[in-house]
Protein backbone atom coordinates (compact mmCIF):
# COMPACT_ATOMS: atom_id res chain seq x y z
CA MET A 1 -6.35 31.02 -27.07
CA ARG A 2 -8.09 27.96 -25.65
CA GLU A 3 -9.16 27.58 -22.05
CA ILE A 4 -8.20 24.32 -20.34
CA VAL A 5 -10.09 23.10 -17.29
CA LYS A 6 -8.53 20.57 -14.97
CA TYR A 7 -9.58 18.99 -11.72
CA VAL A 8 -7.05 18.25 -9.01
CA ALA A 9 -7.54 15.49 -6.45
CA TYR A 10 -6.37 15.93 -2.86
CA ASP A 11 -3.14 14.02 -3.60
CA GLY A 12 -2.28 16.29 -6.55
CA SER A 13 -3.42 13.96 -9.35
CA GLU A 14 -4.98 15.86 -12.24
CA PHE A 15 -8.03 14.99 -14.33
CA ASP A 16 -9.86 16.48 -17.28
CA ALA A 17 -13.31 15.61 -15.92
CA ALA A 18 -14.87 16.24 -12.52
CA ALA A 19 -16.42 12.75 -12.40
CA LYS A 20 -13.04 11.06 -12.95
CA CYS A 21 -11.50 13.15 -10.19
CA LEU A 22 -14.32 12.35 -7.77
CA ASP A 23 -14.12 8.62 -8.50
CA TYR A 24 -10.37 8.70 -7.96
CA GLU A 25 -10.72 10.55 -4.65
CA GLU A 26 -13.40 8.11 -3.44
CA ASN A 27 -11.04 5.19 -4.13
CA CYS A 28 -8.22 6.99 -2.30
CA MET A 29 -10.45 7.64 0.71
CA VAL A 30 -11.35 3.95 0.93
CA VAL A 31 -7.65 3.03 0.98
CA ASP A 32 -6.89 5.74 3.53
CA SER A 33 -9.59 4.41 5.83
CA ILE A 34 -8.27 0.83 5.49
CA MET A 35 -4.75 1.92 6.38
CA LYS A 36 -5.83 3.71 9.56
CA ALA A 37 -5.91 0.27 11.19
CA LEU A 38 -2.11 0.00 11.02
CA LYS A 39 0.37 2.02 13.03
CA PRO A 40 1.67 4.99 11.04
CA ARG A 41 4.83 4.38 9.06
CA PRO A 42 7.81 6.34 10.40
CA GLU A 43 9.28 8.75 7.87
CA SER A 44 12.70 8.47 9.47
CA ARG A 45 15.78 7.68 7.40
CA ASP A 46 16.81 5.25 10.15
CA PHE A 47 13.59 3.28 9.66
CA SER A 48 14.06 3.23 5.88
CA ASN A 49 17.60 1.94 6.34
CA GLY A 50 16.78 -1.07 8.51
CA GLY A 51 16.84 0.62 11.91
CA GLY A 52 14.03 -1.57 13.20
CA PHE A 53 10.52 -2.65 12.27
CA ILE A 54 6.86 -2.14 13.13
CA GLN A 55 5.32 -5.31 14.57
CA HIS A 56 1.77 -5.87 13.31
CA PRO A 57 -0.66 -8.33 14.88
CA LYS A 58 -1.17 -11.18 12.37
CA ASP A 59 -4.97 -11.01 12.22
CA LEU A 60 -5.00 -7.24 11.81
CA PHE A 61 -2.32 -7.30 9.10
CA LEU A 62 -4.08 -10.05 7.13
CA ARG A 63 -7.39 -8.17 7.37
CA VAL A 64 -5.77 -4.96 6.07
CA ARG A 65 -4.06 -6.92 3.27
CA GLN A 66 -7.36 -8.55 2.28
CA ASN A 67 -9.24 -5.23 2.34
CA LEU A 68 -6.57 -3.62 0.16
CA LEU A 69 -6.85 -6.49 -2.29
CA LYS A 70 -10.63 -6.02 -2.39
CA GLN A 71 -10.08 -2.37 -3.23
CA ALA A 72 -7.44 -3.34 -5.80
CA ALA A 73 -9.98 -5.65 -7.43
CA ILE A 74 -12.31 -2.64 -7.78
CA GLU A 75 -9.57 -0.36 -9.12
CA CYS A 76 -7.54 -2.81 -11.18
CA GLY A 77 -9.53 -6.03 -11.65
CA HIS A 78 -7.00 -8.68 -12.65
CA LYS A 79 -6.67 -12.41 -12.03
CA TRP A 80 -3.49 -11.88 -9.98
CA ILE A 81 -5.45 -9.72 -7.56
CA THR A 82 -8.18 -12.35 -7.12
CA GLN A 83 -5.57 -15.12 -6.80
CA SER A 84 -3.84 -13.09 -4.08
CA MET A 85 -7.18 -12.65 -2.30
CA ALA A 86 -7.84 -16.40 -2.37
CA ASP A 87 -4.39 -17.47 -1.14
CA VAL A 88 -2.39 -15.47 1.44
CA THR A 89 0.76 -17.39 0.46
CA VAL A 90 0.80 -15.85 -3.04
CA ASP A 91 3.83 -13.57 -3.35
CA VAL A 92 2.88 -9.90 -2.89
CA GLY A 93 4.78 -9.14 -6.09
CA TRP A 94 1.92 -10.50 -8.19
CA ALA A 95 -0.51 -7.87 -6.92
CA ASP A 96 2.25 -5.26 -6.74
CA ARG A 97 2.86 -5.46 -10.48
CA ILE A 98 -0.78 -4.67 -11.29
CA ILE A 99 -1.34 -2.15 -8.49
CA SER A 100 1.79 -0.16 -9.36
CA GLU A 101 0.67 0.15 -12.98
CA VAL A 102 -2.99 1.14 -12.59
CA GLY A 103 -3.82 1.75 -8.92
CA THR A 104 -4.45 5.11 -7.29
CA LYS A 105 -1.46 6.69 -5.56
CA SER A 106 -3.02 5.82 -2.20
CA LEU A 107 -3.29 2.14 -3.14
CA VAL A 108 0.28 2.05 -4.48
CA VAL A 109 1.67 3.56 -1.26
CA ALA A 110 -0.48 1.29 0.92
CA TRP A 111 0.51 -1.85 -0.98
CA HIS A 112 4.16 -0.88 -0.67
CA ARG A 113 3.72 -1.19 3.09
CA ILE A 114 2.37 -4.72 2.57
CA ALA A 115 5.41 -5.51 0.40
CA CYS A 116 7.68 -4.25 3.21
CA THR A 117 6.23 -6.74 5.71
CA ASP A 118 7.88 -10.10 6.34
CA LYS A 119 6.38 -13.48 7.26
CA LYS A 120 6.54 -12.55 10.96
CA TYR A 121 4.34 -9.50 10.24
CA ARG A 122 7.20 -7.08 10.83
CA GLU A 123 7.04 -4.05 8.57
CA TRP A 124 10.47 -2.83 7.51
CA GLY A 125 11.40 0.47 5.89
CA GLN A 126 11.97 -1.12 2.49
CA PRO A 127 11.31 -4.48 0.81
CA TYR A 128 15.01 -5.47 0.99
CA TYR A 129 14.66 -6.14 4.72
CA THR A 130 11.56 -8.25 4.14
CA ASN A 131 13.75 -10.79 2.37
CA ASN A 132 16.87 -10.06 4.44
CA PRO A 133 15.59 -9.30 7.96
CA GLU A 134 18.89 -10.32 9.54
CA GLN A 135 20.43 -7.24 7.91
CA GLY A 136 18.13 -4.93 9.92
CA THR A 137 18.04 -3.98 13.59
CA GLN A 138 16.18 -6.76 15.39
CA GLN A 139 13.89 -4.58 17.51
CA GLU A 140 10.73 -2.58 17.15
CA PHE A 141 11.49 0.88 15.78
CA VAL A 142 11.16 3.75 18.24
CA GLU A 143 11.33 7.38 17.09
């Protein structure tokens, strides 16, 4: 019989080396601290199904987006990340593709919130409403 040692990060991700686990958790904690600036995302089914939006102040949202991209550059380093950092008009899908493939779970979840936010800085429950806001309830979501 062979003994197997594994290290488990606070989000449940497993690693075969303590150093890898610690690095991963440090990256997650950076993302978590960045996301504290935004209002919490409702976990309601109504919110997910277009029952309203969270209105973010433009400057705050853009700062959070930029800070997440800086973290993504550390975690994922790719030209699409740096291009997204340099130009706020670059479609979020560019960064999303890279982040979803190699980012920490925290970064993936955080970037999904960015992808759910339309050009008026309204965060919807899913990306569909970002492109089709008229299909959602046109008021700020209240639980």
